[in-house]
Amino acid sequence: MGVESLEVRQLDLVGPDGAVRASLRIDEVGDPVFELLDSDGNPRLQMAQAADSDRIYILDAEGTTRIGIAQFAHGGGGFALHGPESKGAAVLYLKDKGSLRIFDKSGDVTSEFPN
């Protein structure tokens, strides 16, 4: 018979070289976080759950969130595509009504639906 219960605060998966490539842990405030790491140890995919949001982030090699998906406690949720260094974005958000906003590299809204 297998193990029925195992209690840990963090579980790391390591590659043949001993480098951590995936991690499932409880963060400093007690929320669960799952990360996939690149060969340099940088997070490239993060999934987390908290009292106020559930979220998934895809990050580039520099650690910038390039794709973000979130569901918030107030009922709204969204999907965002970010440019390099988080400059420029397309954000689709839905709560009671939906919106799509396009931001330029300086953070100004260049297009919005509905406007």
PDB file of N, CA and C in Angstrom:
ATOM      1  N   MET A   1       0.844  -1.179   0.000  1.00  0.00           N
ATOM      2  CA  MET A   1       0.000   0.000   0.000  1.00  0.00           C
ATOM      3  C   MET A   1       0.886   1.238   0.000  1.00  0.00           C
ATOM      4  N   GLY A   2       0.482   2.272  -0.739  1.00  0.00           N
ATOM      5  CA  GLY A   2       1.243   3.507  -0.845  1.00  0.00           C
ATOM      6  C   GLY A   2       1.057   4.421   0.346  1.00  0.00           C
ATOM      7  N   VAL A   3       1.748   5.508   0.327  1.00  0.00           N
ATOM      8  CA  VAL A   3       1.640   6.518   1.373  1.00  0.00           C
ATOM      9  C   VAL A   3       0.287   7.200   1.247  1.00  0.00           C
ATOM     10  N   GLU A   4      -0.444   7.304   2.329  1.00  0.00           N
ATOM     11  CA  GLU A   4      -1.760   7.924   2.309  1.00  0.00           C
ATOM     12  C   GLU A   4      -1.713   9.421   2.545  1.00  0.00           C
ATOM     13  N   SER A   5      -0.692   9.913   3.217  1.00  0.00           N
ATOM     14  CA  SER A   5      -0.619  11.330   3.526  1.00  0.00           C
ATOM     15  C   SER A   5       0.846  11.747   3.650  1.00  0.00           C
ATOM     16  N   LEU A   6       1.135  12.923   3.117  1.00  0.00           N
ATOM     17  CA  LEU A   6       2.476  13.485   3.211  1.00  0.00           C
ATOM     18  C   LEU A   6       2.310  14.976   3.413  1.00  0.00           C
ATOM     19  N   GLU A   7       2.894  15.529   4.459  1.00  0.00           N
ATOM     20  CA  GLU A   7       2.762  16.955   4.735  1.00  0.00           C
ATOM     21  C   GLU A   7       4.109  17.639   4.574  1.00  0.00           C
ATOM     22  N   VAL A   8       4.153  18.595   3.659  1.00  0.00           N
ATOM     23  CA  VAL A   8       5.350  19.401   3.434  1.00  0.00           C
ATOM     24  C   VAL A   8       4.914  20.829   3.117  1.00  0.00           C
ATOM     25  N   ARG A   9       5.785  21.788   3.291  1.00  0.00           N
ATOM     26  CA  ARG A   9       5.488  23.177   2.920  1.00  0.00           C
ATOM     27  C   ARG A   9       5.929  23.474   1.497  1.00  0.00           C
ATOM     28  N   GLN A  10       6.871  22.682   0.989  1.00  0.00           N
ATOM     29  CA  GLN A  10       7.353  22.866  -0.376  1.00  0.00           C
ATOM     30  C   GLN A  10       7.799  21.534  -0.936  1.00  0.00           C
ATOM     31  N   LEU A  11       7.469  21.328  -2.212  1.00  0.00           N
ATOM     32  CA  LEU A  11       7.878  20.128  -2.916  1.00  0.00           C
ATOM     33  C   LEU A  11       8.549  20.585  -4.204  1.00  0.00           C
ATOM     34  N   ASP A  12       9.807  20.249  -4.376  1.00  0.00           N
ATOM     35  CA  ASP A  12      10.563  20.646  -5.561  1.00  0.00           C
ATOM     36  C   ASP A  12      10.846  19.429  -6.429  1.00  0.00           C
ATOM     37  N   LEU A  13      10.707  19.614  -7.736  1.00  0.00           N
ATOM     38  CA  LEU A  13      11.114  18.596  -8.696  1.00  0.00           C
ATOM     39  C   LEU A  13      12.429  19.047  -9.289  1.00  0.00           C
ATOM     40  N   VAL A  14      13.416  18.170  -9.286  1.00  0.00           N
ATOM     41  CA  VAL A  14      14.746  18.533  -9.764  1.00  0.00           C
ATOM     42  C   VAL A  14      15.095  17.720 -11.005  1.00  0.00           C
ATOM     43  N   GLY A  15      15.905  18.331 -11.871  1.00  0.00           N
ATOM     44  CA  GLY A  15      16.385  17.663 -13.063  1.00  0.00           C
ATOM     45  C   GLY A  15      17.583  16.792 -12.751  1.00  0.00           C
ATOM     46  N   PRO A  16      18.115  16.125 -13.772  1.00  0.00           N
ATOM     47  CA  PRO A  16      19.275  15.246 -13.574  1.00  0.00           C
ATOM     48  C   PRO A  16      20.490  15.969 -12.990  1.00  0.00           C
ATOM     49  N   ASP A  17      20.570  17.294 -13.224  1.00  0.00           N
ATOM     50  CA  ASP A  17      21.695  18.069 -12.704  1.00  0.00           C
ATOM     51  C   ASP A  17      21.461  18.594 -11.293  1.00  0.00           C
ATOM     52  N   GLY A  18      20.289  18.284 -10.719  1.00  0.00           N
ATOM     53  CA  GLY A  18      19.971  18.737  -9.372  1.00  0.00           C
ATOM     54  C   GLY A  18      19.290  20.088  -9.315  1.00  0.00           C
ATOM     55  N   ALA A  19      19.133  20.765 -10.460  1.00  0.00           N
ATOM     56  CA  ALA A  19      18.489  22.081 -10.488  1.00  0.00           C
ATOM     57  C   ALA A  19      16.979  21.924 -10.333  1.00  0.00           C
ATOM     58  N   VAL A  20      16.367  22.800  -9.516  1.00  0.00           N
ATOM     59  CA  VAL A  20      14.919  22.791  -9.332  1.00  0.00           C
ATOM     60  C   VAL A  20      14.264  23.261 -10.629  1.00  0.00           C
ATOM     61  N   ARG A  21      13.334  22.466 -11.158  1.00  0.00           N
ATOM     62  CA  ARG A  21      12.628  22.805 -12.404  1.00  0.00           C
ATOM     63  C   ARG A  21      11.137  23.035 -12.192  1.00  0.00           C
ATOM     64  N   ALA A  22      10.605  22.604 -11.049  1.00  0.00           N
ATOM     65  CA  ALA A  22       9.202  22.827 -10.713  1.00  0.00           C
ATOM     66  C   ALA A  22       9.081  22.856  -9.198  1.00  0.00           C
ATOM     67  N   SER A  23       8.135  23.661  -8.719  1.00  0.00           N
ATOM     68  CA  SER A  23       7.981  23.798  -7.276  1.00  0.00           C
ATOM     69  C   SER A  23       6.501  23.960  -6.932  1.00  0.00           C
ATOM     70  N   LEU A  24       6.061  23.252  -5.934  1.00  0.00           N
ATOM     71  CA  LEU A  24       4.735  23.403  -5.358  1.00  0.00           C
ATOM     72  C   LEU A  24       4.964  23.766  -3.906  1.00  0.00           C
ATOM     73  N   ARG A  25       4.442  24.932  -3.501  1.00  0.00           N
ATOM     74  CA  ARG A  25       4.754  25.400  -2.151  1.00  0.00           C
ATOM     75  C   ARG A  25       3.605  26.211  -1.580  1.00  0.00           C
ATOM     76  N   ILE A  26       3.711  26.477  -0.307  1.00  0.00           N
ATOM     77  CA  ILE A  26       2.815  27.397   0.375  1.00  0.00           C
ATOM     78  C   ILE A  26       3.616  28.669   0.601  1.00  0.00           C
ATOM     79  N   ASP A  27       3.097  29.823   0.120  1.00  0.00           N
ATOM     80  CA  ASP A  27       3.870  31.069   0.236  1.00  0.00           C
ATOM     81  C   ASP A  27       3.802  31.629   1.652  1.00  0.00           C
ATOM     82  N   GLU A  28       4.413  32.800   1.851  1.00  0.00           N
ATOM     83  CA  GLU A  28       4.554  33.389   3.181  1.00  0.00           C
ATOM     84  C   GLU A  28       3.233  33.746   3.849  1.00  0.00           C
ATOM     85  N   VAL A  29       2.141  33.900   3.073  1.00  0.00           N
ATOM     86  CA  VAL A  29       0.842  34.203   3.677  1.00  0.00           C
ATOM     87  C   VAL A  29      -0.070  32.985   3.730  1.00  0.00           C
ATOM     88  N   GLY A  30       0.442  31.816   3.308  1.00  0.00           N
ATOM     89  CA  GLY A  30      -0.319  30.587   3.408  1.00  0.00           C
ATOM     90  C   GLY A  30      -1.074  30.177   2.161  1.00  0.00           C
ATOM     91  N   ASP A  31      -0.795  30.810   1.027  1.00  0.00           N
ATOM     92  CA  ASP A  31      -1.488  30.481  -0.217  1.00  0.00           C
ATOM     93  C   ASP A  31      -0.667  29.512  -1.062  1.00  0.00           C
ATOM     94  N   PRO A  32      -1.320  28.585  -1.768  1.00  0.00           N
ATOM     95  CA  PRO A  32      -0.592  27.634  -2.607  1.00  0.00           C
ATOM     96  C   PRO A  32      -0.093  28.279  -3.903  1.00  0.00           C
ATOM     97  N   VAL A  33       1.124  27.901  -4.303  1.00  0.00           N
ATOM     98  CA  VAL A  33       1.760  28.415  -5.519  1.00  0.00           C
ATOM     99  C   VAL A  33       2.437  27.247  -6.236  1.00  0.00           C
ATOM    100  N   PHE A  34       2.240  27.185  -7.555  1.00  0.00           N
ATOM    101  CA  PHE A  34       2.926  26.197  -8.376  1.00  0.00           C
ATOM    102  C   PHE A  34       3.735  26.956  -9.410  1.00  0.00           C
ATOM    103  N   GLU A  35       5.011  26.588  -9.592  1.00  0.00           N
ATOM    104  CA  GLU A  35       5.878  27.249 -10.573  1.00  0.00           C
ATOM    105  C   GLU A  35       6.628  26.222 -11.404  1.00  0.00           C
ATOM    106  N   LEU A  36       6.769  26.540 -12.691  1.00  0.00           N
ATOM    107  CA  LEU A  36       7.696  25.824 -13.562  1.00  0.00           C
ATOM    108  C   LEU A  36       8.858  26.763 -13.804  1.00  0.00           C
ATOM    109  N   LEU A  37      10.081  26.254 -13.698  1.00  0.00           N
ATOM    110  CA  LEU A  37      11.280  27.068 -13.793  1.00  0.00           C
ATOM    111  C   LEU A  37      12.082  26.693 -15.027  1.00  0.00           C
ATOM    112  N   ASP A  38      12.762  27.690 -15.618  1.00  0.00           N
ATOM    113  CA  ASP A  38      13.632  27.393 -16.756  1.00  0.00           C
ATOM    114  C   ASP A  38      14.953  26.812 -16.255  1.00  0.00           C
ATOM    115  N   SER A  39      15.860  26.520 -17.164  1.00  0.00           N
ATOM    116  CA  SER A  39      17.122  25.876 -16.783  1.00  0.00           C
ATOM    117  C   SER A  39      18.016  26.774 -15.935  1.00  0.00           C
ATOM    118  N   ASP A  40      17.729  28.092 -15.913  1.00  0.00           N
ATOM    119  CA  ASP A  40      18.480  29.014 -15.058  1.00  0.00           C
ATOM    120  C   ASP A  40      17.820  29.224 -13.701  1.00  0.00           C
ATOM    121  N   GLY A  41      16.689  28.543 -13.450  1.00  0.00           N
ATOM    122  CA  GLY A  41      15.997  28.678 -12.165  1.00  0.00           C
ATOM    123  C   GLY A  41      14.995  29.813 -12.104  1.00  0.00           C
ATOM    124  N   ASN A  42      14.716  30.451 -13.246  1.00  0.00           N
ATOM    125  CA  ASN A  42      13.768  31.563 -13.273  1.00  0.00           C
ATOM    126  C   ASN A  42      12.344  31.051 -13.482  1.00  0.00           C
ATOM    127  N   PRO A  43      11.369  31.566 -12.716  1.00  0.00           N
ATOM    128  CA  PRO A  43       9.977  31.154 -12.936  1.00  0.00           C
ATOM    129  C   PRO A  43       9.516  31.523 -14.342  1.00  0.00           C
ATOM    130  N   ARG A  44       8.905  30.583 -15.053  1.00  0.00           N
ATOM    131  CA  ARG A  44       8.364  30.849 -16.388  1.00  0.00           C
ATOM    132  C   ARG A  44       6.854  30.666 -16.423  1.00  0.00           C
ATOM    133  N   LEU A  45       6.312  29.888 -15.499  1.00  0.00           N
ATOM    134  CA  LEU A  45       4.865  29.709 -15.356  1.00  0.00           C
ATOM    135  C   LEU A  45       4.562  29.697 -13.872  1.00  0.00           C
ATOM    136  N   GLN A  46       3.590  30.513 -13.460  1.00  0.00           N
ATOM    137  CA  GLN A  46       3.182  30.548 -12.059  1.00  0.00           C
ATOM    138  C   GLN A  46       1.666  30.406 -11.991  1.00  0.00           C
ATOM    139  N   MET A  47       1.216  29.575 -11.089  1.00  0.00           N
ATOM    140  CA  MET A  47      -0.210  29.463 -10.797  1.00  0.00           C
ATOM    141  C   MET A  47      -0.347  29.637  -9.294  1.00  0.00           C
ATOM    142  N   ALA A  48      -1.307  30.472  -8.891  1.00  0.00           N
ATOM    143  CA  ALA A  48      -1.472  30.726  -7.466  1.00  0.00           C
ATOM    144  C   ALA A  48      -2.945  30.928  -7.140  1.00  0.00           C
ATOM    145  N   GLN A  49      -3.285  30.627  -5.913  1.00  0.00           N
ATOM    146  CA  GLN A  49      -4.642  30.799  -5.420  1.00  0.00           C
ATOM    147  C   GLN A  49      -4.567  31.553  -4.118  1.00  0.00           C
ATOM    148  N   ALA A  50      -5.438  32.566  -3.969  1.00  0.00           N
ATOM    149  CA  ALA A  50      -5.497  33.350  -2.741  1.00  0.00           C
ATOM    150  C   ALA A  50      -6.962  33.667  -2.452  1.00  0.00           C
ATOM    151  N   ALA A  51      -7.223  34.239  -1.301  1.00  0.00           N
ATOM    152  CA  ALA A  51      -8.599  34.576  -0.937  1.00  0.00           C
ATOM    153  C   ALA A  51      -9.212  35.579  -1.913  1.00  0.00           C
ATOM    154  N   ASP A  52      -8.376  36.462  -2.492  1.00  0.00           N
ATOM    155  CA  ASP A  52      -8.906  37.520  -3.357  1.00  0.00           C
ATOM    156  C   ASP A  52      -8.708  37.269  -4.845  1.00  0.00           C
ATOM    157  N   SER A  53      -8.007  36.203  -5.239  1.00  0.00           N
ATOM    158  CA  SER A  53      -7.799  35.959  -6.669  1.00  0.00           C
ATOM    159  C   SER A  53      -7.210  34.577  -6.926  1.00  0.00           C
ATOM    160  N   ASP A  54      -7.479  34.116  -8.122  1.00  0.00           N
ATOM    161  CA  ASP A  54      -6.819  32.932  -8.667  1.00  0.00           C
ATOM    162  C   ASP A  54      -6.114  33.429  -9.914  1.00  0.00           C
ATOM    163  N   ARG A  55      -4.862  33.006 -10.129  1.00  0.00           N
ATOM    164  CA  ARG A  55      -4.125  33.599 -11.238  1.00  0.00           C
ATOM    165  C   ARG A  55      -3.125  32.637 -11.860  1.00  0.00           C
ATOM    166  N   ILE A  56      -2.886  32.889 -13.137  1.00  0.00           N
ATOM    167  CA  ILE A  56      -1.875  32.165 -13.896  1.00  0.00           C
ATOM    168  C   ILE A  56      -1.053  33.203 -14.633  1.00  0.00           C
ATOM    169  N   TYR A  57       0.264  33.123 -14.520  1.00  0.00           N
ATOM    170  CA  TYR A  57       1.167  34.037 -15.209  1.00  0.00           C
ATOM    171  C   TYR A  57       2.167  33.242 -16.034  1.00  0.00           C
ATOM    172  N   ILE A  58       2.391  33.691 -17.263  1.00  0.00           N
ATOM    173  CA  ILE A  58       3.472  33.171 -18.087  1.00  0.00           C
ATOM    174  C   ILE A  58       4.498  34.291 -18.192  1.00  0.00           C
ATOM    175  N   LEU A  59       5.739  33.994 -17.816  1.00  0.00           N
ATOM    176  CA  LEU A  59       6.789  35.002 -17.753  1.00  0.00           C
ATOM    177  C   LEU A  59       7.849  34.739 -18.812  1.00  0.00           C
ATOM    178  N   ASP A  60       8.535  35.803 -19.231  1.00  0.00           N
ATOM    179  CA  ASP A  60       9.643  35.630 -20.163  1.00  0.00           C
ATOM    180  C   ASP A  60      10.934  35.382 -19.382  1.00  0.00           C
ATOM    181  N   ALA A  61      12.039  35.218 -20.086  1.00  0.00           N
ATOM    182  CA  ALA A  61      13.320  34.897 -19.448  1.00  0.00           C
ATOM    183  C   ALA A  61      13.801  35.993 -18.505  1.00  0.00           C
ATOM    184  N   GLU A  62      13.331  37.233 -18.704  1.00  0.00           N
ATOM    185  CA  GLU A  62      13.725  38.337 -17.825  1.00  0.00           C
ATOM    186  C   GLU A  62      12.837  38.445 -16.590  1.00  0.00           C
ATOM    187  N   GLY A  63      11.814  37.587 -16.480  1.00  0.00           N
ATOM    188  CA  GLY A  63      10.933  37.621 -15.313  1.00  0.00           C
ATOM    189  C   GLY A  63       9.723  38.517 -15.482  1.00  0.00           C
ATOM    190  N   THR A  64       9.511  39.046 -16.684  1.00  0.00           N
ATOM    191  CA  THR A  64       8.361  39.911 -16.950  1.00  0.00           C
ATOM    192  C   THR A  64       7.142  39.059 -17.268  1.00  0.00           C
ATOM    193  N   THR A  65       6.015  39.360 -16.626  1.00  0.00           N
ATOM    194  CA  THR A  65       4.773  38.670 -16.952  1.00  0.00           C
ATOM    195  C   THR A  65       4.350  39.072 -18.349  1.00  0.00           C
ATOM    196  N   ARG A  66       4.236  38.097 -19.252  1.00  0.00           N
ATOM    197  CA  ARG A  66       3.832  38.375 -20.631  1.00  0.00           C
ATOM    198  C   ARG A  66       2.376  38.025 -20.873  1.00  0.00           C
ATOM    199  N   ILE A  67       1.867  37.011 -20.166  1.00  0.00           N
ATOM    200  CA  ILE A  67       0.455  36.646 -20.249  1.00  0.00           C
ATOM    201  C   ILE A  67      -0.036  36.458 -18.823  1.00  0.00           C
ATOM    202  N   GLY A  68      -1.149  37.091 -18.505  1.00  0.00           N
ATOM    203  CA  GLY A  68      -1.731  36.953 -17.181  1.00  0.00           C
ATOM    204  C   GLY A  68      -3.212  36.638 -17.286  1.00  0.00           C
ATOM    205  N   ILE A  69      -3.665  35.715 -16.473  1.00  0.00           N
ATOM    206  CA  ILE A  69      -5.073  35.348 -16.405  1.00  0.00           C
ATOM    207  C   ILE A  69      -5.444  35.394 -14.930  1.00  0.00           C
ATOM    208  N   ALA A  70      -6.552  36.060 -14.598  1.00  0.00           N
ATOM    209  CA  ALA A  70      -6.921  36.177 -13.192  1.00  0.00           C
ATOM    210  C   ALA A  70      -8.439  36.154 -13.027  1.00  0.00           C
ATOM    211  N   GLN A  71      -8.856  35.619 -11.897  1.00  0.00           N
ATOM    212  CA  GLN A  71     -10.248  35.647 -11.455  1.00  0.00           C
ATOM    213  C   GLN A  71     -10.221  36.260 -10.067  1.00  0.00           C
ATOM    214  N   PHE A  72     -11.026  37.310  -9.854  1.00  0.00           N
ATOM    215  CA  PHE A  72     -10.985  38.045  -8.602  1.00  0.00           C
ATOM    216  C   PHE A  72     -12.182  37.723  -7.715  1.00  0.00           C
ATOM    217  N   ALA A  73     -12.026  37.913  -6.401  1.00  0.00           N
ATOM    218  CA  ALA A  73     -13.078  37.607  -5.436  1.00  0.00           C
ATOM    219  C   ALA A  73     -14.346  38.413  -5.710  1.00  0.00           C
ATOM    220  N   HIS A  74     -14.233  39.614  -6.258  1.00  0.00           N
ATOM    221  CA  HIS A  74     -15.414  40.444  -6.529  1.00  0.00           C
ATOM    222  C   HIS A  74     -16.196  39.965  -7.748  1.00  0.00           C
ATOM    223  N   GLY A  75     -15.722  38.898  -8.406  1.00  0.00           N
ATOM    224  CA  GLY A  75     -16.455  38.319  -9.519  1.00  0.00           C
ATOM    225  C   GLY A  75     -15.910  38.641 -10.886  1.00  0.00           C
ATOM    226  N   GLY A  76     -15.029  39.600 -10.977  1.00  0.00           N
ATOM    227  CA  GLY A  76     -14.446  39.950 -12.269  1.00  0.00           C
ATOM    228  C   GLY A  76     -13.264  39.069 -12.589  1.00  0.00           C
ATOM    229  N   GLY A  77     -12.927  39.050 -13.864  1.00  0.00           N
ATOM    230  CA  GLY A  77     -11.772  38.282 -14.293  1.00  0.00           C
ATOM    231  C   GLY A  77     -11.220  38.871 -15.560  1.00  0.00           C
ATOM    232  N   GLY A  78     -10.002  38.502 -15.900  1.00  0.00           N
ATOM    233  CA  GLY A  78      -9.411  39.080 -17.090  1.00  0.00           C
ATOM    234  C   GLY A  78      -8.263  38.275 -17.640  1.00  0.00           C
ATOM    235  N   PHE A  79      -7.869  38.728 -18.821  1.00  0.00           N
ATOM    236  CA  PHE A  79      -6.779  38.129 -19.579  1.00  0.00           C
ATOM    237  C   PHE A  79      -5.952  39.282 -20.115  1.00  0.00           C
ATOM    238  N   ALA A  80      -4.637  39.257 -19.922  1.00  0.00           N
ATOM    239  CA  ALA A  80      -3.783  40.348 -20.379  1.00  0.00           C
ATOM    240  C   ALA A  80      -2.574  39.806 -21.121  1.00  0.00           C
ATOM    241  N   LEU A  81      -2.256  40.459 -22.235  1.00  0.00           N
ATOM    242  CA  LEU A  81      -1.032  40.197 -22.983  1.00  0.00           C
ATOM    243  C   LEU A  81      -0.146  41.421 -22.792  1.00  0.00           C
ATOM    244  N   HIS A  82       1.071  41.217 -22.329  1.00  0.00           N
ATOM    245  CA  HIS A  82       1.986  42.319 -22.063  1.00  0.00           C
ATOM    246  C   HIS A  82       3.165  42.265 -23.022  1.00  0.00           C
ATOM    247  N   GLY A  83       3.649  43.432 -23.414  1.00  0.00           N
ATOM    248  CA  GLY A  83       4.826  43.521 -24.261  1.00  0.00           C
ATOM    249  C   GLY A  83       6.096  43.348 -23.445  1.00  0.00           C
ATOM    250  N   PRO A  84       7.248  43.387 -24.122  1.00  0.00           N
ATOM    251  CA  PRO A  84       8.526  43.291 -23.412  1.00  0.00           C
ATOM    252  C   PRO A  84       8.621  44.362 -22.322  1.00  0.00           C
ATOM    253  N   GLU A  85       9.193  44.004 -21.202  1.00  0.00           N
ATOM    254  CA  GLU A  85       9.348  44.898 -20.051  1.00  0.00           C
ATOM    255  C   GLU A  85       8.008  45.451 -19.576  1.00  0.00           C
ATOM    256  N   SER A  86       6.921  44.729 -19.830  1.00  0.00           N
ATOM    257  CA  SER A  86       5.556  45.141 -19.480  1.00  0.00           C
ATOM    258  C   SER A  86       5.146  46.455 -20.125  1.00  0.00           C
ATOM    259  N   LYS A  87       5.757  46.798 -21.252  1.00  0.00           N
ATOM    260  CA  LYS A  87       5.415  48.032 -21.953  1.00  0.00           C
ATOM    261  C   LYS A  87       4.452  47.688 -23.080  1.00  0.00           C
ATOM    262  N   GLY A  88       3.254  48.228 -22.992  1.00  0.00           N
ATOM    263  CA  GLY A  88       2.201  47.918 -23.938  1.00  0.00           C
ATOM    264  C   GLY A  88       1.443  46.693 -23.467  1.00  0.00           C
ATOM    265  N   ALA A  89       0.139  46.695 -23.724  1.00  0.00           N
ATOM    266  CA  ALA A  89      -0.668  45.558 -23.286  1.00  0.00           C
ATOM    267  C   ALA A  89      -2.010  45.555 -23.997  1.00  0.00           C
ATOM    268  N   ALA A  90      -2.602  44.397 -24.058  1.00  0.00           N
ATOM    269  CA  ALA A  90      -3.993  44.221 -24.452  1.00  0.00           C
ATOM    270  C   ALA A  90      -4.663  43.536 -23.279  1.00  0.00           C
ATOM    271  N   VAL A  91      -5.727  44.150 -22.738  1.00  0.00           N
ATOM    272  CA  VAL A  91      -6.377  43.631 -21.541  1.00  0.00           C
ATOM    273  C   VAL A  91      -7.858  43.417 -21.810  1.00  0.00           C
ATOM    274  N   LEU A  92      -8.287  42.180 -21.671  1.00  0.00           N
ATOM    275  CA  LEU A  92      -9.688  41.817 -21.789  1.00  0.00           C
ATOM    276  C   LEU A  92     -10.195  41.560 -20.378  1.00  0.00           C
ATOM    277  N   TYR A  93     -11.242  42.283 -19.959  1.00  0.00           N
ATOM    278  CA  TYR A  93     -11.744  42.186 -18.595  1.00  0.00           C
ATOM    279  C   TYR A  93     -13.254  41.987 -18.635  1.00  0.00           C
ATOM    280  N   LEU A  94     -13.762  41.165 -17.739  1.00  0.00           N
ATOM    281  CA  LEU A  94     -15.192  40.926 -17.674  1.00  0.00           C
ATOM    282  C   LEU A  94     -15.635  40.836 -16.233  1.00  0.00           C
ATOM    283  N   LYS A  95     -16.638  41.625 -15.900  1.00  0.00           N
ATOM    284  CA  LYS A  95     -17.368  41.469 -14.644  1.00  0.00           C
ATOM    285  C   LYS A  95     -18.832  41.501 -15.040  1.00  0.00           C
ATOM    286  N   ASP A  96     -19.514  42.618 -14.816  1.00  0.00           N
ATOM    287  CA  ASP A  96     -20.892  42.731 -15.287  1.00  0.00           C
ATOM    288  C   ASP A  96     -20.922  43.026 -16.783  1.00  0.00           C
ATOM    289  N   LYS A  97     -19.967  43.817 -17.225  1.00  0.00           N
ATOM    290  CA  LYS A  97     -19.805  44.140 -18.638  1.00  0.00           C
ATOM    291  C   LYS A  97     -18.371  43.824 -19.028  1.00  0.00           C
ATOM    292  N   GLY A  98     -18.167  43.590 -20.293  1.00  0.00           N
ATOM    293  CA  GLY A  98     -16.819  43.303 -20.762  1.00  0.00           C
ATOM    294  C   GLY A  98     -16.148  44.540 -21.329  1.00  0.00           C
ATOM    295  N   SER A  99     -14.828  44.519 -21.359  1.00  0.00           N
ATOM    296  CA  SER A  99     -14.071  45.601 -21.983  1.00  0.00           C
ATOM    297  C   SER A  99     -12.771  45.034 -22.547  1.00  0.00           C
ATOM    298  N   LEU A 100     -12.292  45.692 -23.563  1.00  0.00           N
ATOM    299  CA  LEU A 100     -10.997  45.391 -24.150  1.00  0.00           C
ATOM    300  C   LEU A 100     -10.259  46.708 -24.269  1.00  0.00           C
ATOM    301  N   ARG A 101      -9.069  46.777 -23.707  1.00  0.00           N
ATOM    302  CA  ARG A 101      -8.249  47.990 -23.775  1.00  0.00           C
ATOM    303  C   ARG A 101      -6.876  47.638 -24.320  1.00  0.00           C
ATOM    304  N   ILE A 102      -6.383  48.510 -25.182  1.00  0.00           N
ATOM    305  CA  ILE A 102      -5.040  48.387 -25.726  1.00  0.00           C
ATOM    306  C   ILE A 102      -4.229  49.554 -25.178  1.00  0.00           C
ATOM    307  N   PHE A 103      -3.080  49.248 -24.579  1.00  0.00           N
ATOM    308  CA  PHE A 103      -2.205  50.262 -23.990  1.00  0.00           C
ATOM    309  C   PHE A 103      -0.923  50.350 -24.810  1.00  0.00           C
ATOM    310  N   ASP A 104      -0.423  51.584 -25.021  1.00  0.00           N
ATOM    311  CA  ASP A 104       0.852  51.738 -25.713  1.00  0.00           C
ATOM    312  C   ASP A 104       1.999  51.555 -24.726  1.00  0.00           C
ATOM    313  N   LYS A 105       3.223  51.705 -25.210  1.00  0.00           N
ATOM    314  CA  LYS A 105       4.403  51.467 -24.371  1.00  0.00           C
ATOM    315  C   LYS A 105       4.531  52.425 -23.199  1.00  0.00           C
ATOM    316  N   SER A 106       3.865  53.580 -23.262  1.00  0.00           N
ATOM    317  CA  SER A 106       3.929  54.528 -22.141  1.00  0.00           C
ATOM    318  C   SER A 106       2.786  54.321 -21.154  1.00  0.00           C
ATOM    319  N   GLY A 107       1.899  53.346 -21.430  1.00  0.00           N
ATOM    320  CA  GLY A 107       0.804  53.051 -20.517  1.00  0.00           C
ATOM    321  C   GLY A 107      -0.491  53.764 -20.829  1.00  0.00           C
ATOM    322  N   ASP A 108      -0.535  54.524 -21.929  1.00  0.00           N
ATOM    323  CA  ASP A 108      -1.755  55.224 -22.306  1.00  0.00           C
ATOM    324  C   ASP A 108      -2.673  54.307 -23.106  1.00  0.00           C
ATOM    325  N   VAL A 109      -3.989  54.431 -22.872  1.00  0.00           N
ATOM    326  CA  VAL A 109      -4.966  53.650 -23.625  1.00  0.00           C
ATOM    327  C   VAL A 109      -5.045  54.202 -25.046  1.00  0.00           C
ATOM    328  N   THR A 110      -4.809  53.344 -26.035  1.00  0.00           N
ATOM    329  CA  THR A 110      -4.887  53.774 -27.438  1.00  0.00           C
ATOM    330  C   THR A 110      -6.175  53.315 -28.100  1.00  0.00           C
ATOM    331  N   SER A 111      -6.759  52.233 -27.602  1.00  0.00           N
ATOM    332  CA  SER A 111      -8.028  51.729 -28.116  1.00  0.00           C
ATOM    333  C   SER A 111      -8.808  51.128 -26.978  1.00  0.00           C
ATOM    334  N   GLU A 112     -10.126  51.254 -27.067  1.00  0.00           N
ATOM    335  CA  GLU A 112     -10.971  50.726 -26.011  1.00  0.00           C
ATOM    336  C   GLU A 112     -12.311  50.305 -26.598  1.00  0.00           C
ATOM    337  N   PHE A 113     -12.768  49.134 -26.209  1.00  0.00           N
ATOM    338  CA  PHE A 113     -14.079  48.674 -26.619  1.00  0.00           C
ATOM    339  C   PHE A 113     -14.812  48.155 -25.382  1.00  0.00           C
ATOM    340  N   PRO A 114     -16.011  48.553 -25.082  1.00  0.00           N
ATOM    341  CA  PRO A 114     -16.663  49.671 -25.765  1.00  0.00           C
ATOM    342  C   PRO A 114     -16.011  50.982 -25.336  1.00  0.00           C
ATOM    343  N   ASN A 115     -16.130  51.976 -26.188  1.00  0.00           N
ATOM    344  CA  ASN A 115     -15.519  53.277 -25.867  1.00  0.00           C
ATOM    345  C   ASN A 115     -16.524  54.286 -25.451  1.00  0.00           C
TER     346      ASN A 115
END
